[in-house]
Amino acid sequence: MFYHPEDGHGLPHNPFKAIIAPRPIGWISTVDAKGRANLAPYSFFNGVSDDPPMVMFCATGDKEFRTETKDSIANVRETGQFVVNIVSEALKDAMNISCGVYDHGDDEFVHAGLEKEMGQVVDVPFVRDAPAALECELWREIDLPGTGIMMIGTVKCIHLNDAFIKDGIFDVSAFKPLARLGYRDYSVVDNLFSLNRPHQT
């Protein structure tokens, strides 16, 4: 099979997100100018640099029921701050609840039954039970072709749950990070192996 995206794929569902898989999930918490919290998952998310540490998440306008600017984007524009919460397997149901369609100003922490902890550097709460949380300040907003809006942030401080630090390693196999696949599918990281680079012994 071969196709140009602008010509369509002819399949029942778009395969693009299934091709780019698995994708880490950035569970983005923000507040608006009135201090009201918002929490939403984004599967177009990743780290983009490590010195300094920087991350990005991208909102797309592919949801037919949501035509206005997403709360996360609007809030980051207002405050210049956000937190990336890492989603563990244990938090998958809460994450799914938080991606529901709620009125502006509704608190997804409350809908999902999640406890908050306030950031140390940014004035944004994070998910207390998340295995890790990255407090970020906005570095740049980039409008992508089409409807995509990318937010790139500088990580100002990092919270790690001590329960998942073993022998000096942040052990992802202990909390099994959730990953997004295509369609309605998800996966967890539960099978790890190591490879040495050719020059390493």
N, C-alpha and C. Protein backbone atom coordinates (compact mmCIF):
# COMPACT_ATOMS: atom_id res chain seq x y z
N MET A 1 0.85 -1.20 0.00
CA MET A 1 0.00 0.00 0.00
C MET A 1 0.88 1.24 0.00
N PHE A 2 0.46 2.24 -0.72
CA PHE A 2 1.17 3.52 -0.78
C PHE A 2 0.12 4.62 -0.94
N TYR A 3 0.31 5.72 -0.21
CA TYR A 3 -0.62 6.84 -0.40
C TYR A 3 0.03 8.15 0.01
N HIS A 4 -0.48 9.24 -0.55
CA HIS A 4 -0.13 10.59 -0.12
C HIS A 4 -1.18 11.02 0.90
N PRO A 5 -0.77 11.51 2.07
CA PRO A 5 -1.76 11.89 3.08
C PRO A 5 -2.85 12.82 2.58
N GLU A 6 -2.49 13.76 1.70
CA GLU A 6 -3.50 14.71 1.21
C GLU A 6 -4.53 14.05 0.30
N ASP A 7 -4.21 12.85 -0.21
CA ASP A 7 -5.15 12.14 -1.09
C ASP A 7 -6.04 11.17 -0.34
N GLY A 8 -5.74 10.92 0.93
CA GLY A 8 -6.52 9.96 1.70
C GLY A 8 -5.92 8.57 1.60
N HIS A 9 -6.29 7.73 2.55
CA HIS A 9 -5.71 6.39 2.66
C HIS A 9 -6.66 5.28 2.24
N GLY A 10 -7.95 5.57 2.20
CA GLY A 10 -8.91 4.57 1.78
C GLY A 10 -9.22 3.50 2.80
N LEU A 11 -8.67 3.61 4.00
CA LEU A 11 -8.93 2.64 5.06
C LEU A 11 -10.05 3.15 5.97
N PRO A 12 -10.66 2.27 6.75
CA PRO A 12 -11.74 2.72 7.64
C PRO A 12 -11.29 3.77 8.66
N HIS A 13 -10.01 3.69 9.08
CA HIS A 13 -9.49 4.64 10.06
C HIS A 13 -8.08 5.05 9.64
N ASN A 14 -7.71 6.26 10.00
CA ASN A 14 -6.39 6.79 9.66
C ASN A 14 -5.29 5.98 10.34
N PRO A 15 -4.35 5.41 9.59
CA PRO A 15 -3.31 4.59 10.21
C PRO A 15 -2.14 5.38 10.79
N PHE A 16 -2.11 6.69 10.61
CA PHE A 16 -0.91 7.46 10.96
C PHE A 16 -0.51 7.27 12.42
N LYS A 17 -1.47 7.39 13.33
CA LYS A 17 -1.12 7.27 14.75
C LYS A 17 -0.73 5.85 15.13
N ALA A 18 -1.19 4.87 14.36
CA ALA A 18 -0.78 3.49 14.61
C ALA A 18 0.65 3.26 14.12
N ILE A 19 1.06 4.02 13.12
CA ILE A 19 2.43 3.91 12.61
C ILE A 19 3.41 4.51 13.62
N ILE A 20 3.08 5.70 14.12
CA ILE A 20 3.94 6.39 15.08
C ILE A 20 3.54 5.91 16.47
N ALA A 21 3.99 4.73 16.84
CA ALA A 21 3.56 4.11 18.09
C ALA A 21 4.67 3.18 18.60
N PRO A 22 4.76 3.03 19.91
CA PRO A 22 3.97 3.70 20.93
C PRO A 22 4.43 5.14 21.17
N ARG A 23 3.52 5.97 21.64
CA ARG A 23 3.84 7.35 21.95
C ARG A 23 3.65 7.60 23.44
N PRO A 24 4.62 8.23 24.10
CA PRO A 24 4.42 8.56 25.52
C PRO A 24 3.29 9.56 25.66
N ILE A 25 2.66 9.53 26.81
CA ILE A 25 1.53 10.42 27.08
C ILE A 25 1.98 11.52 28.03
N GLY A 26 1.80 12.75 27.59
CA GLY A 26 2.03 13.89 28.48
C GLY A 26 0.71 14.29 29.10
N TRP A 27 0.58 14.05 30.38
CA TRP A 27 -0.65 14.40 31.12
C TRP A 27 -0.42 15.81 31.63
N ILE A 28 -0.97 16.78 30.92
CA ILE A 28 -0.60 18.18 31.13
C ILE A 28 -1.56 18.86 32.11
N SER A 29 -0.99 19.36 33.21
CA SER A 29 -1.80 20.16 34.13
C SER A 29 -1.45 21.63 33.98
N THR A 30 -2.47 22.46 34.04
CA THR A 30 -2.34 23.90 33.88
C THR A 30 -3.34 24.59 34.80
N VAL A 31 -3.22 25.88 34.92
CA VAL A 31 -4.26 26.69 35.56
C VAL A 31 -4.54 27.89 34.67
N ASP A 32 -5.76 28.41 34.75
CA ASP A 32 -6.07 29.62 34.01
C ASP A 32 -5.73 30.85 34.85
N ALA A 33 -6.03 32.01 34.32
CA ALA A 33 -5.68 33.25 35.01
C ALA A 33 -6.40 33.40 36.35
N LYS A 34 -7.50 32.67 36.51
CA LYS A 34 -8.25 32.71 37.77
C LYS A 34 -7.78 31.62 38.74
N GLY A 35 -6.80 30.83 38.34
CA GLY A 35 -6.27 29.79 39.21
C GLY A 35 -7.02 28.48 39.15
N ARG A 36 -7.93 28.34 38.18
CA ARG A 36 -8.69 27.09 38.06
C ARG A 36 -7.86 26.05 37.32
N ALA A 37 -7.80 24.84 37.89
CA ALA A 37 -6.93 23.80 37.37
C ALA A 37 -7.56 23.06 36.20
N ASN A 38 -6.70 22.58 35.32
CA ASN A 38 -7.10 21.76 34.18
C ASN A 38 -6.09 20.63 34.04
N LEU A 39 -6.57 19.47 33.62
CA LEU A 39 -5.70 18.31 33.44
C LEU A 39 -6.15 17.55 32.21
N ALA A 40 -5.24 17.34 31.25
CA ALA A 40 -5.62 16.69 29.99
C ALA A 40 -4.44 15.92 29.42
N PRO A 41 -4.70 14.72 28.84
CA PRO A 41 -3.61 13.93 28.26
C PRO A 41 -3.37 14.30 26.79
N TYR A 42 -2.10 14.28 26.42
CA TYR A 42 -1.69 14.54 25.03
C TYR A 42 -0.72 13.44 24.60
N SER A 43 -1.04 12.78 23.48
CA SER A 43 -0.15 11.72 23.01
C SER A 43 0.86 12.22 21.99
N PHE A 44 0.69 13.44 21.50
CA PHE A 44 1.78 14.07 20.76
C PHE A 44 2.61 14.84 21.78
N PHE A 45 3.50 14.10 22.41
CA PHE A 45 4.30 14.61 23.52
C PHE A 45 5.65 13.91 23.51
N ASN A 46 6.69 14.64 23.88
CA ASN A 46 7.99 14.00 24.03
C ASN A 46 9.00 14.99 24.59
N GLY A 47 10.14 14.44 24.99
CA GLY A 47 11.28 15.27 25.32
C GLY A 47 11.96 15.70 24.03
N VAL A 48 12.49 16.91 24.01
CA VAL A 48 13.16 17.40 22.79
C VAL A 48 14.61 17.76 23.03
N SER A 49 15.03 17.80 24.29
CA SER A 49 16.42 18.15 24.61
C SER A 49 16.66 17.76 26.06
N ASP A 50 17.96 17.57 26.42
CA ASP A 50 18.25 17.24 27.81
C ASP A 50 19.20 18.21 28.49
N ASP A 51 19.71 19.19 27.76
CA ASP A 51 20.63 20.16 28.36
C ASP A 51 20.43 21.54 27.72
N PRO A 52 19.49 22.34 28.22
CA PRO A 52 18.63 22.06 29.36
C PRO A 52 17.51 21.08 28.99
N PRO A 53 16.92 20.43 29.99
CA PRO A 53 15.80 19.54 29.67
C PRO A 53 14.61 20.33 29.14
N MET A 54 14.07 19.87 28.02
CA MET A 54 12.93 20.55 27.40
C MET A 54 11.96 19.49 26.89
N VAL A 55 10.69 19.83 26.90
CA VAL A 55 9.64 18.93 26.45
C VAL A 55 8.68 19.69 25.54
N MET A 56 7.91 18.95 24.78
CA MET A 56 6.87 19.57 23.97
C MET A 56 5.61 18.74 24.05
N PHE A 57 4.46 19.42 23.92
CA PHE A 57 3.21 18.72 23.67
C PHE A 57 2.48 19.50 22.59
N CYS A 58 1.66 18.78 21.85
CA CYS A 58 0.98 19.39 20.70
C CYS A 58 -0.50 19.09 20.75
N ALA A 59 -1.31 20.12 20.62
CA ALA A 59 -2.76 19.97 20.51
C ALA A 59 -3.14 20.01 19.04
N THR A 60 -4.03 19.12 18.66
CA THR A 60 -4.52 19.10 17.29
C THR A 60 -6.02 19.34 17.29
N GLY A 61 -6.53 19.82 16.19
CA GLY A 61 -7.96 20.15 16.10
C GLY A 61 -8.76 19.08 15.40
N ASP A 62 -8.44 17.81 15.69
CA ASP A 62 -9.10 16.73 14.96
C ASP A 62 -10.31 16.16 15.67
N LYS A 63 -10.78 16.83 16.72
CA LYS A 63 -11.96 16.35 17.42
C LYS A 63 -13.18 17.16 16.98
N GLU A 64 -14.15 16.47 16.42
CA GLU A 64 -15.30 17.18 15.85
C GLU A 64 -16.13 17.90 16.90
N PHE A 65 -16.02 17.45 18.17
CA PHE A 65 -16.83 18.06 19.21
C PHE A 65 -16.11 19.23 19.88
N ARG A 66 -14.88 19.53 19.46
CA ARG A 66 -14.12 20.57 20.14
C ARG A 66 -13.53 21.50 19.09
N THR A 67 -14.16 22.67 18.95
CA THR A 67 -13.68 23.61 17.94
C THR A 67 -12.95 24.80 18.56
N GLU A 68 -13.19 25.06 19.84
CA GLU A 68 -12.52 26.18 20.49
C GLU A 68 -11.10 25.78 20.90
N THR A 69 -10.30 26.75 21.25
CA THR A 69 -8.95 26.48 21.73
C THR A 69 -9.01 25.61 22.98
N LYS A 70 -8.20 24.57 23.00
CA LYS A 70 -8.19 23.68 24.15
C LYS A 70 -7.76 24.44 25.39
N ASP A 71 -8.32 24.05 26.55
CA ASP A 71 -8.03 24.75 27.79
C ASP A 71 -6.54 24.75 28.10
N SER A 72 -5.87 23.62 27.85
CA SER A 72 -4.43 23.56 28.16
C SER A 72 -3.68 24.65 27.42
N ILE A 73 -3.95 24.80 26.13
CA ILE A 73 -3.26 25.80 25.32
C ILE A 73 -3.60 27.20 25.82
N ALA A 74 -4.88 27.45 26.03
CA ALA A 74 -5.30 28.77 26.50
C ALA A 74 -4.65 29.11 27.84
N ASN A 75 -4.58 28.13 28.73
CA ASN A 75 -4.01 28.37 30.06
C ASN A 75 -2.51 28.65 29.99
N VAL A 76 -1.79 27.88 29.16
CA VAL A 76 -0.35 28.13 29.03
C VAL A 76 -0.10 29.51 28.44
N ARG A 77 -0.96 29.92 27.51
CA ARG A 77 -0.82 31.26 26.96
C ARG A 77 -1.01 32.32 28.04
N GLU A 78 -1.92 32.07 28.98
CA GLU A 78 -2.21 33.06 30.02
C GLU A 78 -1.12 33.10 31.09
N THR A 79 -0.57 31.94 31.44
CA THR A 79 0.33 31.87 32.60
C THR A 79 1.78 31.58 32.24
N GLY A 80 2.04 30.98 31.06
CA GLY A 80 3.39 30.61 30.69
C GLY A 80 3.92 29.40 31.44
N GLN A 81 3.03 28.62 32.04
CA GLN A 81 3.46 27.50 32.88
C GLN A 81 2.62 26.26 32.61
N PHE A 82 3.23 25.09 32.83
CA PHE A 82 2.49 23.84 32.81
C PHE A 82 3.31 22.76 33.51
N VAL A 83 2.66 21.66 33.85
CA VAL A 83 3.35 20.51 34.43
C VAL A 83 3.02 19.28 33.60
N VAL A 84 4.05 18.49 33.31
CA VAL A 84 3.86 17.20 32.65
C VAL A 84 3.82 16.13 33.73
N ASN A 85 2.70 15.43 33.83
CA ASN A 85 2.55 14.30 34.74
C ASN A 85 2.72 13.02 33.93
N ILE A 86 3.55 12.10 34.42
CA ILE A 86 3.75 10.83 33.74
C ILE A 86 2.65 9.86 34.17
N VAL A 87 2.09 9.15 33.20
CA VAL A 87 0.95 8.27 33.47
C VAL A 87 1.44 6.84 33.68
N SER A 88 1.16 6.30 34.83
CA SER A 88 1.46 4.90 35.11
C SER A 88 0.24 4.04 34.75
N GLU A 89 0.48 2.72 34.68
CA GLU A 89 -0.64 1.82 34.41
C GLU A 89 -1.74 1.98 35.45
N ALA A 90 -1.35 2.20 36.70
CA ALA A 90 -2.34 2.33 37.78
C ALA A 90 -3.23 3.56 37.60
N LEU A 91 -2.76 4.54 36.83
CA LEU A 91 -3.52 5.78 36.65
C LEU A 91 -4.27 5.83 35.32
N LYS A 92 -4.31 4.71 34.60
CA LYS A 92 -4.90 4.74 33.25
C LYS A 92 -6.37 5.15 33.27
N ASP A 93 -7.15 4.68 34.24
CA ASP A 93 -8.57 5.03 34.27
C ASP A 93 -8.78 6.50 34.60
N ALA A 94 -7.98 7.03 35.53
CA ALA A 94 -8.07 8.45 35.86
C ALA A 94 -7.68 9.30 34.66
N MET A 95 -6.64 8.88 33.94
CA MET A 95 -6.23 9.59 32.73
C MET A 95 -7.36 9.62 31.71
N ASN A 96 -8.02 8.48 31.55
CA ASN A 96 -9.10 8.40 30.57
C ASN A 96 -10.28 9.30 30.96
N ILE A 97 -10.58 9.36 32.24
CA ILE A 97 -11.65 10.25 32.71
C ILE A 97 -11.29 11.70 32.41
N SER A 98 -10.02 12.04 32.58
CA SER A 98 -9.61 13.44 32.42
C SER A 98 -9.68 13.91 30.97
N CYS A 99 -9.79 12.99 30.01
CA CYS A 99 -9.88 13.42 28.62
C CYS A 99 -11.33 13.58 28.16
N GLY A 100 -12.26 13.54 29.10
CA GLY A 100 -13.66 13.78 28.76
C GLY A 100 -13.90 15.24 28.37
N VAL A 101 -15.07 15.50 27.83
CA VAL A 101 -15.43 16.87 27.43
C VAL A 101 -16.17 17.52 28.60
N TYR A 102 -15.53 18.51 29.21
CA TYR A 102 -16.09 19.20 30.36
C TYR A 102 -16.18 20.69 30.06
N ASP A 103 -17.01 21.37 30.82
CA ASP A 103 -17.14 22.81 30.65
C ASP A 103 -15.84 23.51 31.03
N HIS A 104 -15.61 24.64 30.39
CA HIS A 104 -14.43 25.44 30.72
C HIS A 104 -14.46 25.81 32.19
N GLY A 105 -13.35 25.58 32.87
CA GLY A 105 -13.27 25.87 34.30
C GLY A 105 -13.52 24.66 35.17
N ASP A 106 -14.09 23.58 34.61
CA ASP A 106 -14.25 22.35 35.37
C ASP A 106 -12.87 21.78 35.70
N ASP A 107 -12.76 21.15 36.84
CA ASP A 107 -11.48 20.63 37.32
C ASP A 107 -11.43 19.12 37.07
N GLU A 108 -10.60 18.70 36.12
CA GLU A 108 -10.48 17.28 35.81
C GLU A 108 -9.86 16.48 36.95
N PHE A 109 -9.07 17.13 37.81
CA PHE A 109 -8.56 16.45 39.00
C PHE A 109 -9.74 15.92 39.83
N VAL A 110 -10.75 16.76 39.96
CA VAL A 110 -11.92 16.38 40.76
C VAL A 110 -12.71 15.28 40.05
N HIS A 111 -12.96 15.45 38.76
CA HIS A 111 -13.71 14.43 38.01
C HIS A 111 -13.03 13.07 38.10
N ALA A 112 -11.69 13.05 38.07
CA ALA A 112 -10.95 11.79 38.07
C ALA A 112 -10.59 11.30 39.47
N GLY A 113 -10.97 12.05 40.50
CA GLY A 113 -10.69 11.62 41.87
C GLY A 113 -9.21 11.64 42.21
N LEU A 114 -8.48 12.64 41.71
CA LEU A 114 -7.04 12.71 41.90
C LEU A 114 -6.66 13.77 42.95
N GLU A 115 -5.67 13.45 43.75
CA GLU A 115 -5.15 14.42 44.71
C GLU A 115 -4.12 15.30 44.03
N LYS A 116 -4.12 16.56 44.41
CA LYS A 116 -3.18 17.53 43.86
C LYS A 116 -2.02 17.78 44.82
N GLU A 117 -0.90 18.16 44.23
CA GLU A 117 0.19 18.73 45.00
C GLU A 117 0.68 19.94 44.23
N MET A 118 0.93 21.04 44.92
CA MET A 118 1.31 22.26 44.23
C MET A 118 2.78 22.22 43.81
N GLY A 119 3.04 22.82 42.66
CA GLY A 119 4.39 22.90 42.17
C GLY A 119 5.29 23.73 43.07
N GLN A 120 6.58 23.46 43.00
CA GLN A 120 7.56 24.19 43.78
C GLN A 120 8.04 25.45 43.07
N VAL A 121 8.07 25.41 41.75
CA VAL A 121 8.56 26.54 40.95
C VAL A 121 7.42 27.21 40.20
N VAL A 122 6.53 26.43 39.62
CA VAL A 122 5.39 26.99 38.89
C VAL A 122 4.14 26.91 39.76
N ASP A 123 3.23 27.82 39.53
CA ASP A 123 1.99 27.86 40.32
C ASP A 123 0.93 26.98 39.69
N VAL A 124 1.27 25.73 39.49
CA VAL A 124 0.39 24.75 38.85
C VAL A 124 0.42 23.47 39.67
N PRO A 125 -0.73 22.87 39.95
CA PRO A 125 -0.73 21.60 40.68
C PRO A 125 -0.34 20.44 39.77
N PHE A 126 0.15 19.37 40.38
CA PHE A 126 0.41 18.15 39.64
C PHE A 126 -0.27 16.97 40.33
N VAL A 127 -0.29 15.84 39.65
CA VAL A 127 -0.94 14.64 40.17
C VAL A 127 -0.04 14.03 41.24
N ARG A 128 -0.52 14.02 42.47
CA ARG A 128 0.30 13.55 43.58
C ARG A 128 0.78 12.11 43.37
N ASP A 129 -0.04 11.26 42.80
CA ASP A 129 0.31 9.85 42.63
C ASP A 129 1.06 9.56 41.34
N ALA A 130 1.37 10.57 40.55
CA ALA A 130 2.14 10.33 39.33
C ALA A 130 3.55 9.86 39.69
N PRO A 131 4.10 8.93 38.93
CA PRO A 131 5.48 8.49 39.22
C PRO A 131 6.51 9.59 39.01
N ALA A 132 6.20 10.55 38.15
CA ALA A 132 7.09 11.68 37.94
C ALA A 132 6.28 12.86 37.45
N ALA A 133 6.77 14.06 37.76
CA ALA A 133 6.12 15.28 37.28
C ALA A 133 7.20 16.29 36.95
N LEU A 134 7.04 16.97 35.82
CA LEU A 134 8.01 17.93 35.33
C LEU A 134 7.38 19.32 35.33
N GLU A 135 7.90 20.20 36.16
CA GLU A 135 7.39 21.57 36.18
C GLU A 135 8.07 22.37 35.07
N CYS A 136 7.26 23.01 34.25
CA CYS A 136 7.79 23.63 33.03
C CYS A 136 7.35 25.08 32.90
N GLU A 137 8.23 25.85 32.28
CA GLU A 137 7.89 27.20 31.84
C GLU A 137 7.92 27.23 30.32
N LEU A 138 6.95 27.90 29.74
CA LEU A 138 6.84 27.96 28.28
C LEU A 138 8.08 28.61 27.68
N TRP A 139 8.68 27.95 26.70
CA TRP A 139 9.80 28.52 25.95
C TRP A 139 9.30 29.12 24.64
N ARG A 140 8.47 28.37 23.93
CA ARG A 140 7.98 28.87 22.65
C ARG A 140 6.70 28.15 22.25
N GLU A 141 5.80 28.88 21.62
CA GLU A 141 4.60 28.31 21.00
C GLU A 141 4.80 28.33 19.49
N ILE A 142 4.50 27.23 18.85
CA ILE A 142 4.68 27.12 17.40
C ILE A 142 3.37 26.67 16.77
N ASP A 143 2.86 27.47 15.85
CA ASP A 143 1.70 27.07 15.06
C ASP A 143 2.17 26.18 13.92
N LEU A 144 1.65 24.97 13.86
CA LEU A 144 2.01 24.03 12.81
C LEU A 144 1.06 24.17 11.64
N PRO A 145 1.44 23.70 10.46
CA PRO A 145 0.50 23.70 9.33
C PRO A 145 -0.77 22.95 9.72
N GLY A 146 -1.90 23.41 9.26
CA GLY A 146 -3.16 22.80 9.65
C GLY A 146 -3.62 23.35 10.98
N THR A 147 -3.97 22.46 11.91
CA THR A 147 -4.57 22.90 13.18
C THR A 147 -3.67 22.66 14.38
N GLY A 148 -2.46 22.15 14.18
CA GLY A 148 -1.61 21.81 15.31
C GLY A 148 -0.98 23.02 15.98
N ILE A 149 -0.94 22.97 17.31
CA ILE A 149 -0.29 24.00 18.11
C ILE A 149 0.68 23.29 19.05
N MET A 150 1.96 23.59 18.90
CA MET A 150 2.98 22.95 19.73
C MET A 150 3.46 23.91 20.81
N MET A 151 3.48 23.41 22.03
CA MET A 151 4.02 24.15 23.16
C MET A 151 5.33 23.49 23.59
N ILE A 152 6.41 24.26 23.58
CA ILE A 152 7.70 23.75 24.02
C ILE A 152 8.05 24.42 25.34
N GLY A 153 8.37 23.60 26.33
CA GLY A 153 8.67 24.14 27.64
C GLY A 153 10.04 23.73 28.15
N THR A 154 10.62 24.58 28.98
CA THR A 154 11.85 24.27 29.68
C THR A 154 11.50 23.67 31.03
N VAL A 155 12.07 22.52 31.35
CA VAL A 155 11.80 21.86 32.62
C VAL A 155 12.59 22.56 33.71
N LYS A 156 11.88 23.14 34.67
CA LYS A 156 12.53 23.91 35.73
C LYS A 156 12.83 23.06 36.96
N CYS A 157 12.03 22.04 37.21
CA CYS A 157 12.31 21.11 38.30
C CYS A 157 11.54 19.82 38.06
N ILE A 158 11.98 18.76 38.72
CA ILE A 158 11.46 17.42 38.48
C ILE A 158 11.12 16.76 39.80
N HIS A 159 9.95 16.14 39.86
CA HIS A 159 9.55 15.33 41.01
C HIS A 159 9.59 13.86 40.60
N LEU A 160 10.28 13.04 41.39
CA LEU A 160 10.30 11.60 41.18
C LEU A 160 9.74 10.91 42.41
N ASN A 161 8.86 9.96 42.21
CA ASN A 161 8.35 9.17 43.33
C ASN A 161 9.46 8.22 43.78
N ASP A 162 9.87 8.37 45.04
CA ASP A 162 10.99 7.58 45.56
C ASP A 162 10.74 6.08 45.48
N ALA A 163 9.48 5.68 45.45
CA ALA A 163 9.17 4.25 45.39
C ALA A 163 9.67 3.61 44.12
N PHE A 164 9.93 4.43 43.10
CA PHE A 164 10.34 3.88 41.81
C PHE A 164 11.82 4.11 41.51
N ILE A 165 12.58 4.52 42.52
CA ILE A 165 14.03 4.65 42.36
C ILE A 165 14.67 3.43 43.01
N LYS A 166 15.32 2.60 42.20
CA LYS A 166 15.92 1.36 42.68
C LYS A 166 17.37 1.29 42.21
N ASP A 167 18.28 1.18 43.18
CA ASP A 167 19.72 1.10 42.87
C ASP A 167 20.17 2.28 42.01
N GLY A 168 19.64 3.44 42.32
CA GLY A 168 20.04 4.65 41.61
C GLY A 168 19.42 4.82 40.24
N ILE A 169 18.48 3.96 39.87
CA ILE A 169 17.83 4.00 38.56
C ILE A 169 16.34 4.30 38.74
N PHE A 170 15.82 5.21 37.93
CA PHE A 170 14.37 5.43 37.91
C PHE A 170 13.77 4.27 37.11
N ASP A 171 13.15 3.35 37.81
CA ASP A 171 12.75 2.05 37.27
C ASP A 171 11.37 2.12 36.62
N VAL A 172 11.33 2.31 35.31
CA VAL A 172 10.04 2.42 34.63
C VAL A 172 9.27 1.11 34.67
N SER A 173 9.98 -0.02 34.80
CA SER A 173 9.27 -1.30 34.85
C SER A 173 8.46 -1.44 36.13
N ALA A 174 8.78 -0.63 37.14
CA ALA A 174 8.06 -0.71 38.40
C ALA A 174 6.70 -0.03 38.34
N PHE A 175 6.58 1.02 37.49
CA PHE A 175 5.27 1.70 37.40
C PHE A 175 4.60 1.53 36.05
N LYS A 176 5.31 0.99 35.08
CA LYS A 176 4.74 0.66 33.77
C LYS A 176 4.08 1.87 33.11
N PRO A 177 4.88 2.75 32.52
CA PRO A 177 4.29 3.93 31.87
C PRO A 177 3.33 3.55 30.77
N LEU A 178 2.26 4.30 30.68
CA LEU A 178 1.23 4.07 29.67
C LEU A 178 1.67 4.71 28.36
N ALA A 179 1.39 4.03 27.26
CA ALA A 179 1.73 4.53 25.93
C ALA A 179 0.50 4.50 25.04
N ARG A 180 0.44 5.45 24.13
CA ARG A 180 -0.68 5.56 23.19
C ARG A 180 -0.31 4.89 21.88
N LEU A 181 -1.22 4.12 21.36
CA LEU A 181 -1.05 3.50 20.06
C LEU A 181 -2.03 4.16 19.10
N GLY A 182 -2.45 3.47 18.06
CA GLY A 182 -3.44 4.03 17.16
C GLY A 182 -4.86 3.70 17.63
N TYR A 183 -5.82 4.35 16.98
CA TYR A 183 -7.22 4.03 17.22
C TYR A 183 -7.57 4.26 18.70
N ARG A 184 -8.13 3.28 19.39
CA ARG A 184 -8.43 3.42 20.82
C ARG A 184 -7.48 2.58 21.68
N ASP A 185 -6.35 2.24 21.12
CA ASP A 185 -5.46 1.28 21.76
C ASP A 185 -4.37 1.95 22.57
N TYR A 186 -4.02 1.29 23.68
CA TYR A 186 -2.94 1.71 24.55
C TYR A 186 -2.05 0.50 24.84
N SER A 187 -0.90 0.77 25.43
CA SER A 187 -0.01 -0.29 25.87
C SER A 187 0.71 0.19 27.11
N VAL A 188 1.39 -0.73 27.78
CA VAL A 188 2.25 -0.35 28.90
C VAL A 188 3.65 -0.89 28.63
N VAL A 189 4.64 -0.20 29.20
CA VAL A 189 6.02 -0.66 29.09
C VAL A 189 6.26 -1.67 30.20
N ASP A 190 6.35 -2.93 29.82
CA ASP A 190 6.57 -3.97 30.82
C ASP A 190 7.60 -5.01 30.37
N ASN A 191 8.30 -4.73 29.26
CA ASN A 191 9.30 -5.66 28.74
C ASN A 191 10.53 -4.86 28.34
N LEU A 192 11.55 -4.91 29.19
CA LEU A 192 12.75 -4.11 28.96
C LEU A 192 13.93 -4.99 28.57
N PHE A 193 14.79 -4.47 27.72
CA PHE A 193 16.07 -5.12 27.44
C PHE A 193 17.09 -4.04 27.14
N SER A 194 18.35 -4.36 27.26
CA SER A 194 19.43 -3.39 27.06
C SER A 194 20.27 -3.79 25.86
N LEU A 195 20.80 -2.79 25.17
CA LEU A 195 21.71 -3.00 24.05
C LEU A 195 22.91 -2.07 24.21
N ASN A 196 24.09 -2.61 24.09
CA ASN A 196 25.29 -1.77 24.07
C ASN A 196 25.50 -1.25 22.66
N ARG A 197 25.94 0.00 22.56
CA ARG A 197 26.31 0.55 21.25
C ARG A 197 27.59 -0.15 20.77
N PRO A 198 27.84 -0.13 19.48
CA PRO A 198 29.00 -0.88 18.96
C PRO A 198 30.33 -0.54 19.64
N HIS A 199 30.50 0.71 20.08
CA HIS A 199 31.76 1.10 20.68
C HIS A 199 31.81 0.85 22.18
N GLN A 200 30.70 0.37 22.74
CA GLN A 200 30.63 0.14 24.18
C GLN A 200 30.89 -1.34 24.49
N THR A 201 31.40 -1.60 25.67
CA THR A 201 31.65 -2.98 26.08
C THR A 201 30.82 -3.30 27.32
